[in-house]
């Protein structure tokens, strides 16, 4: 294998692939990137057996076609450190890959391409196109609520739901729930629900730009595949049944609060400084046109803050994990938020005042 490529053409896909390749691997070849050179194209592939990312770079000057695997992070670090003006020559000599650029020369160890695992192809059951910016918005609005290393493995991912007239993403860790909705004619006759693992969600979100250019999703029985420009991303799916999120969404709350999102976020963050560092609890006291926030900790330290809100109704005291509320304020991008409550033991429903595409549910705490 021998080829010449510009530094930028090699570095851009390498940086994306290095995010998929994990540092500590049980199989050495999983720390490598697969390079395949043929027909003026260089294809780079990285995988951790759960997710796979393939990038195609053209045009590339290929003198000798071939395929080999080399350490992904080392190749990325070298490419990043090189001078931008000089092209990069990659040449396989024996079992070593030689990288030359300007006055620099590096020799990298390799492993045979035959050792590199392939994500098995499976018949696709459904194909969907939607704008990158919309899918990116939905992932950003919900991914933060995924569980991390929960024994209920189906919570360590994100539900992707496709119906005939909408696409939804839903995430929950059992204490809070985030839902994003997109009205779209999908052509899907039956309701489809798949659970994308945490790593897959985060890597897919990194590929998406804030543009109308479509991303193509192919949903199979065991995999989700997304094609974004020159990148093809594949993620295994989590087997299991996601909780019925509709049962979690509170209905009929009679206490509706309207507040400035940034002012509420700042008030919560200030009070949260003196909350218990493990349970992060704060107490909200709601009265006519005012919301007070209280926090304390085992060191007998206390915080008290308040902000004006729009509210007419009975007074209410309710406790929450302040981190969960701040996460919601960060996820919303409108100026004002609507919080619907009913009693101290019922979850809060949080939405933007004039945008119903996203909703959030946060369970209360006993303080």
Protein backbone atom coordinates (compact mmCIF):
# COMPACT_ATOMS: atom_id res chain seq x y z
CA UNK A 1 0.00 0.00 0.00
CA UNK A 2 1.29 3.44 -0.92
CA UNK A 3 -0.61 6.72 -1.13
CA UNK A 4 -0.29 10.50 -0.81
CA UNK A 5 -2.90 12.61 1.02
CA UNK A 6 -3.16 16.14 2.39
CA UNK A 7 -2.83 16.55 6.15
CA UNK A 8 -6.31 18.01 6.57
CA UNK A 9 -7.96 15.24 4.53
CA UNK A 10 -6.40 12.63 6.82
CA UNK A 11 -6.72 14.43 10.15
CA UNK A 12 -10.44 15.33 9.99
CA UNK A 13 -11.78 11.75 9.74
CA UNK A 14 -9.06 10.43 12.07
CA UNK A 15 -10.21 12.76 14.86
CA UNK A 16 -13.78 11.49 14.52
CA UNK A 17 -12.68 7.84 14.42
CA UNK A 18 -10.36 8.27 17.42
CA UNK A 19 -13.47 9.10 19.47
CA UNK A 20 -14.95 5.69 18.64
CA UNK A 21 -11.74 3.77 19.33
CA UNK A 22 -11.30 3.31 23.08
CA UNK A 23 -7.85 3.42 24.68
CA UNK A 24 -8.08 0.21 26.70
CA UNK A 25 -9.12 -2.74 24.58
CA UNK A 26 -9.20 -6.47 25.22
CA UNK A 27 -8.25 -7.03 21.56
CA UNK A 28 -5.20 -5.02 20.36
CA UNK A 29 -6.65 -4.61 16.87
CA UNK A 30 -9.56 -2.60 18.32
CA UNK A 31 -7.09 0.19 19.18
CA UNK A 32 -6.25 0.42 15.48
CA UNK A 33 -7.85 2.13 12.51
CA UNK A 34 -8.34 0.09 9.34
CA UNK A 35 -6.93 1.81 6.25
CA UNK A 36 -8.08 0.64 2.81
CA UNK A 37 -6.61 2.37 -0.27
CA UNK A 38 -8.13 1.73 -3.70
CA UNK A 39 -9.36 3.66 -6.75
CA UNK A 40 -8.23 7.12 -5.54
CA UNK A 41 -10.14 6.58 -2.28
CA UNK A 42 -8.89 6.04 1.27
CA UNK A 43 -11.41 4.40 3.60
CA UNK A 44 -10.82 4.61 7.35
CA UNK A 45 -12.72 2.43 9.82
CA UNK A 46 -12.74 2.42 13.63
CA UNK A 47 -14.81 0.25 15.97
CA UNK A 48 -15.16 -0.83 19.60
CA UNK A 49 -17.48 -3.74 18.67
CA UNK A 50 -20.51 -1.69 19.79
CA UNK A 51 -20.21 1.21 17.36
CA UNK A 52 -18.37 1.52 14.04
CA UNK A 53 -17.45 4.63 12.06
CA UNK A 54 -16.36 4.52 8.41
CA UNK A 55 -15.00 7.60 6.61
CA UNK A 56 -14.26 7.82 2.88
CA UNK A 57 -11.70 10.36 1.67
CA UNK A 58 -11.47 11.32 -2.04
CA UNK A 59 -9.57 12.16 -4.11
CA UNK A 60 -6.39 10.49 -2.82
CA UNK A 61 -3.34 9.72 -4.95
CA UNK A 62 -3.03 5.92 -4.61
CA UNK A 63 0.20 4.46 -6.03
CA UNK A 64 -0.38 0.96 -4.66
CA UNK A 65 -3.76 -0.22 -3.35
CA UNK A 66 -3.78 -2.18 -0.11
CA UNK A 67 -5.23 -2.55 3.39
CA UNK A 68 -3.69 -2.51 6.87
CA UNK A 69 -4.48 -1.47 10.46
CA UNK A 70 -2.36 1.00 12.50
CA UNK A 71 -2.75 2.56 15.99
CA UNK A 72 -5.55 5.10 15.63
CA UNK A 73 -4.57 7.62 18.29
CA UNK A 74 -0.88 7.62 17.36
CA UNK A 75 -1.72 8.25 13.70
CA UNK A 76 -4.11 11.05 14.71
CA UNK A 77 -1.57 12.63 17.08
CA UNK A 78 1.17 12.52 14.42
CA UNK A 79 -1.12 14.04 11.77
CA UNK A 80 -2.16 16.79 14.18
CA UNK A 81 1.48 17.67 14.94
CA UNK A 82 2.63 17.85 11.31
CA UNK A 83 3.06 20.98 9.22
CA UNK A 84 -0.09 21.82 7.28
CA UNK A 85 1.71 22.67 4.02
CA UNK A 86 3.41 19.33 3.36
CA UNK A 87 1.43 16.36 1.99
CA UNK A 88 1.57 13.07 3.84
CA UNK A 89 2.89 9.91 2.21
CA UNK A 90 1.85 6.57 3.70
CA UNK A 91 3.77 3.48 2.54
CA UNK A 92 3.51 -0.07 3.85
CA UNK A 93 6.92 -1.75 3.91
CA UNK A 94 6.85 -5.25 5.38
CA UNK A 95 4.89 -5.08 8.62
CA UNK A 96 5.59 -1.38 9.23
CA UNK A 97 3.72 1.68 7.96
CA UNK A 98 6.06 4.54 7.07
CA UNK A 99 4.65 8.07 7.28
CA UNK A 100 6.65 10.83 5.61
CA UNK A 101 5.84 14.54 5.48
CA UNK A 102 8.41 17.26 4.78
CA UNK A 103 11.44 16.45 6.94
CA UNK A 104 9.44 14.17 9.28
CA UNK A 105 9.50 10.37 9.11
CA UNK A 106 7.55 8.04 11.41
CA UNK A 107 7.41 4.24 11.49
CA UNK A 108 4.27 2.69 12.93
CA UNK A 109 3.52 -0.89 13.94
CA UNK A 110 0.67 -2.64 12.13
CA UNK A 111 -1.70 -5.56 12.49
CA UNK A 112 -3.17 -7.46 9.52
CA UNK A 113 -6.45 -6.13 8.11
CA UNK A 114 -7.87 -9.66 8.31
CA UNK A 115 -7.86 -9.38 12.12
CA UNK A 116 -10.12 -6.31 12.03
CA UNK A 117 -13.74 -7.13 12.97
CA UNK A 118 -16.58 -6.26 10.60
CA UNK A 119 -20.03 -5.26 11.75
CA UNK A 120 -22.19 -7.92 10.18
CA UNK A 121 -24.56 -6.77 7.47
CA UNK A 122 -28.23 -7.43 8.11
CA UNK A 123 -31.34 -6.80 6.03
CA UNK A 124 -32.67 -3.33 6.64
CA UNK A 125 -36.21 -3.13 7.89
CA UNK A 126 -36.76 0.61 7.61
CA UNK A 127 -35.04 3.64 6.06
CA UNK A 128 -35.64 7.25 7.08
CA UNK A 129 -34.27 10.63 6.01
CA UNK A 130 -34.44 13.74 8.17
CA UNK A 131 -32.49 17.01 8.42
CA UNK A 132 -29.21 16.79 10.35
CA UNK A 133 -30.08 19.84 12.44
CA UNK A 134 -33.40 18.29 13.57
CA UNK A 135 -31.85 14.97 14.60
CA UNK A 136 -29.02 16.85 16.31
CA UNK A 137 -31.55 19.02 18.18
CA UNK A 138 -33.44 15.96 19.38
CA UNK A 139 -30.30 14.16 20.57
CA UNK A 140 -28.98 17.26 22.35
CA UNK A 141 -32.35 17.79 24.01
CA UNK A 142 -32.58 14.28 25.47
CA UNK A 143 -29.20 12.50 25.67
CA UNK A 144 -28.26 14.04 29.03
CA UNK A 145 -31.06 12.09 30.75
CA UNK A 146 -29.69 8.66 29.79
CA UNK A 147 -28.62 6.43 32.68
CA UNK A 148 -24.97 5.52 33.18
CA UNK A 149 -24.13 1.91 34.04
CA UNK A 150 -27.60 1.17 35.41
CA UNK A 151 -28.37 -2.49 36.03
CA UNK A 152 -31.52 -1.87 34.00
CA UNK A 153 -29.40 -1.97 30.86
CA UNK A 154 -32.22 -0.66 28.63
CA UNK A 155 -31.95 2.71 30.44
CA UNK A 156 -28.27 3.08 29.41
CA UNK A 157 -29.36 4.30 26.00
CA UNK A 158 -31.90 6.38 24.15
CA UNK A 159 -35.24 5.33 22.69
CA UNK A 160 -35.68 6.21 19.02
CA UNK A 161 -39.34 5.99 18.09
CA UNK A 162 -40.57 6.24 14.50
CA UNK A 163 -44.29 6.42 13.69
CA UNK A 164 -46.08 7.33 10.48
CA UNK A 165 -46.29 11.02 11.44
CA UNK A 166 -43.46 11.63 13.90
CA UNK A 167 -40.00 10.80 15.19
CA UNK A 168 -39.23 10.92 18.92
CA UNK A 169 -36.19 10.52 21.12
CA UNK A 170 -36.73 9.64 24.79
CA UNK A 171 -34.23 9.12 27.60
CA UNK A 172 -34.70 8.38 31.29
CA UNK A 173 -32.57 7.27 34.23
CA UNK A 174 -35.55 6.46 36.44
CA UNK A 175 -35.46 9.86 38.20
CA UNK A 176 -36.09 12.14 35.23
CA UNK A 177 -37.27 11.87 31.64
CA UNK A 178 -36.50 13.89 28.51
CA UNK A 179 -38.57 13.70 25.31
CA UNK A 180 -38.07 15.45 21.97
CA UNK A 181 -40.65 15.32 19.16
CA UNK A 182 -40.42 16.00 15.43
CA UNK A 183 -43.52 16.03 13.25
CA UNK A 184 -42.53 14.26 10.03
CA UNK A 185 -44.20 12.05 7.44
CA UNK A 186 -41.93 9.01 7.69
CA UNK A 187 -43.75 6.45 5.56
CA UNK A 188 -43.49 4.01 8.47
CA UNK A 189 -46.67 1.96 8.65
CA UNK A 190 -46.07 0.44 12.09
CA UNK A 191 -44.69 2.05 15.22
CA UNK A 192 -40.98 1.19 15.54
CA UNK A 193 -38.97 1.58 18.74
CA UNK A 194 -35.24 0.85 19.09
CA UNK A 195 -32.81 1.60 21.93
CA UNK A 196 -29.47 3.11 20.85
CA UNK A 197 -26.66 2.65 23.43
CA UNK A 198 -25.09 5.64 25.15
CA UNK A 199 -21.81 5.48 23.20
CA UNK A 200 -23.72 5.31 19.91
CA UNK A 201 -25.84 8.34 20.79
CA UNK A 202 -22.86 10.50 21.77
CA UNK A 203 -20.79 9.58 18.70
CA UNK A 204 -23.71 10.09 16.30
CA UNK A 205 -24.42 13.52 17.81
CA UNK A 206 -20.80 14.54 17.12
CA UNK A 207 -21.20 13.79 13.40
CA UNK A 208 -24.24 16.00 12.90
CA UNK A 209 -24.03 19.64 11.81
CA UNK A 210 -26.57 22.43 12.19
CA UNK A 211 -27.65 22.16 8.53
CA UNK A 212 -30.71 21.07 6.59
CA UNK A 213 -28.67 18.43 4.69
CA UNK A 214 -30.34 15.10 5.38
CA UNK A 215 -28.97 12.23 7.43
CA UNK A 216 -30.11 8.78 6.31
CA UNK A 217 -31.03 6.35 9.09
CA UNK A 218 -31.34 2.65 8.37
CA UNK A 219 -32.98 0.69 11.17
CA UNK A 220 -32.39 -3.05 11.29
CA UNK A 221 -33.24 -5.68 13.87
CA UNK A 222 -29.89 -5.38 15.66
CA UNK A 223 -28.23 -2.24 14.28
CA UNK A 224 -28.86 1.41 13.49
CA UNK A 225 -26.88 2.82 10.57
CA UNK A 226 -26.56 6.53 9.80
CA UNK A 227 -25.02 8.03 6.67
CA UNK A 228 -23.83 11.64 7.02
CA UNK A 229 -21.90 12.93 4.01
CA UNK A 230 -18.71 10.85 3.67
CA UNK A 231 -19.31 9.08 7.01
CA UNK A 232 -21.21 5.86 7.68
CA UNK A 233 -21.93 5.22 11.35
CA UNK A 234 -23.23 1.91 12.69
CA UNK A 235 -24.33 1.16 16.25
CA UNK A 236 -25.58 -2.03 17.81
CA UNK A 237 -28.98 -1.74 19.46
CA UNK A 238 -29.80 -2.61 23.07
CA UNK A 239 -32.16 -5.53 23.40
CA UNK A 240 -34.96 -5.03 25.89
CA UNK A 241 -38.18 -3.12 26.36
CA UNK A 242 -38.03 0.58 27.12
CA UNK A 243 -40.45 1.78 29.82
CA UNK A 244 -43.81 3.16 28.68
CA UNK A 245 -42.83 6.82 28.82
CA UNK A 246 -46.42 8.02 28.36
CA UNK A 247 -47.29 6.68 31.81
CA UNK A 248 -44.53 8.78 33.38
CA UNK A 249 -45.66 12.12 31.92
CA UNK A 250 -47.82 13.85 34.59
CA UNK A 251 -51.27 14.98 33.47
CA UNK A 252 -53.66 17.48 34.94
CA UNK A 253 -51.28 19.53 37.09
CA UNK A 254 -53.11 22.63 38.37
CA UNK A 255 -50.15 24.80 39.42
CA UNK A 256 -48.52 26.48 36.40
CA UNK A 257 -45.41 28.62 36.86
CA UNK A 258 -43.89 30.81 34.13
CA UNK A 259 -40.30 31.93 34.71
CA UNK A 260 -37.32 33.42 32.93
CA UNK A 261 -35.14 30.41 32.06
CA UNK A 262 -31.73 31.98 32.65
CA UNK A 263 -32.81 33.72 35.86
CA UNK A 264 -34.20 30.44 37.20
CA UNK A 265 -31.06 28.54 36.18
CA UNK A 266 -28.79 31.07 37.91
CA UNK A 267 -30.91 31.03 41.08
CA UNK A 268 -30.83 27.23 41.22
CA UNK A 269 -27.07 27.13 40.64
CA UNK A 270 -26.40 29.65 43.41
CA UNK A 271 -28.51 27.78 45.95
CA UNK A 272 -27.10 24.45 44.79
CA UNK A 273 -23.60 25.46 45.92
CA UNK A 274 -24.60 24.72 49.54
CA UNK A 275 -26.75 21.65 48.85
CA UNK A 276 -25.73 18.21 50.11
CA UNK A 277 -22.94 17.16 47.73
CA UNK A 278 -24.33 13.63 47.29
CA UNK A 279 -28.10 14.10 47.02
CA UNK A 280 -28.01 17.72 45.66
CA UNK A 281 -31.44 18.47 47.11
CA UNK A 282 -33.05 21.94 47.08
CA UNK A 283 -36.47 22.98 48.39
CA UNK A 284 -38.71 25.18 46.28
CA UNK A 285 -41.33 27.34 48.02
CA UNK A 286 -43.90 28.58 45.55
CA UNK A 287 -46.24 31.44 46.38
CA UNK A 288 -48.04 34.15 44.42
CA UNK A 289 -45.62 35.54 41.83
CA UNK A 290 -42.54 34.35 43.75
CA UNK A 291 -40.35 31.27 43.87
CA UNK A 292 -37.96 30.80 46.81
CA UNK A 293 -35.12 28.27 46.68
CA UNK A 294 -33.56 26.85 49.86
CA UNK A 295 -30.60 24.49 50.34
CA UNK A 296 -28.58 23.20 53.27
CA UNK A 297 -25.95 20.57 53.99
CA UNK A 298 -24.58 18.48 56.90
CA UNK A 299 -22.17 21.31 57.81
CA UNK A 300 -25.19 23.43 58.86
CA UNK A 301 -24.60 25.79 55.93
CA UNK A 302 -27.66 27.29 54.28
CA UNK A 303 -28.57 29.07 51.06
CA UNK A 304 -31.71 31.06 50.36
CA UNK A 305 -32.56 32.75 47.08
CA UNK A 306 -35.68 33.96 45.29
CA UNK A 307 -36.89 35.19 41.93
CA UNK A 308 -40.12 36.69 40.59
CA UNK A 309 -42.31 34.33 38.54
CA UNK A 310 -45.79 34.35 37.07
CA UNK A 311 -47.95 32.23 39.37
CA UNK A 312 -51.43 32.48 40.82
CA UNK A 313 -52.57 29.68 43.08
CA UNK A 314 -52.02 27.86 46.35
CA UNK A 315 -48.62 27.84 48.01
CA UNK A 316 -46.51 24.71 47.51
CA UNK A 317 -43.30 23.29 48.98
CA UNK A 318 -41.48 20.65 46.93
CA UNK A 319 -37.94 19.24 46.80
CA UNK A 320 -35.82 18.39 43.74
CA UNK A 321 -32.30 17.36 42.78
CA UNK A 322 -30.93 20.75 41.71
CA UNK A 323 -28.66 19.17 39.08
CA UNK A 324 -31.65 17.66 37.28
CA UNK A 325 -33.40 21.05 37.11
CA UNK A 326 -30.26 22.83 35.87
CA UNK A 327 -29.77 20.17 33.17
CA UNK A 328 -33.28 20.92 31.87
CA UNK A 329 -32.63 24.68 31.85
CA UNK A 330 -29.47 24.01 29.80
CA UNK A 331 -31.34 21.76 27.35
CA UNK A 332 -34.10 24.29 26.65
CA UNK A 333 -33.24 27.19 24.36
CA UNK A 334 -36.26 29.48 24.77
CA UNK A 335 -36.23 32.52 27.06
CA UNK A 336 -39.14 31.42 29.26
CA UNK A 337 -40.12 28.09 30.75
CA UNK A 338 -43.41 26.63 31.95
CA UNK A 339 -43.36 24.37 35.02
CA UNK A 340 -46.52 22.42 35.82
CA UNK A 341 -46.91 21.00 39.34
CA UNK A 342 -49.71 19.42 41.34
CA UNK A 343 -48.50 18.38 44.83
CA UNK A 344 -45.23 17.71 46.75
CA UNK A 345 -45.26 14.02 45.78
CA UNK A 346 -45.89 14.41 42.05
CA UNK A 347 -43.35 14.96 39.28
CA UNK A 348 -42.82 18.34 37.65
CA UNK A 349 -43.52 18.78 33.93
CA UNK A 350 -41.16 21.35 32.37
CA UNK A 351 -41.47 22.80 28.85
CA UNK A 352 -40.56 25.92 26.92
CA UNK A 353 -43.39 28.46 27.10
CA UNK A 354 -44.02 28.59 23.35
CA UNK A 355 -42.44 25.39 22.03
CA UNK A 356 -43.96 21.97 22.71
CA UNK A 357 -41.38 19.94 20.77
CA UNK A 358 -39.55 19.00 23.99
CA UNK A 359 -40.81 18.11 27.45
CA UNK A 360 -39.07 17.11 30.66
CA UNK A 361 -40.27 15.24 33.73
CA UNK A 362 -38.40 15.46 37.03
CA UNK A 363 -39.37 13.41 40.05
CA UNK A 364 -39.52 15.18 43.44
CA UNK A 365 -37.33 14.39 46.47
CA UNK A 366 -38.19 14.07 50.11
CA UNK A 367 -36.07 16.57 52.03
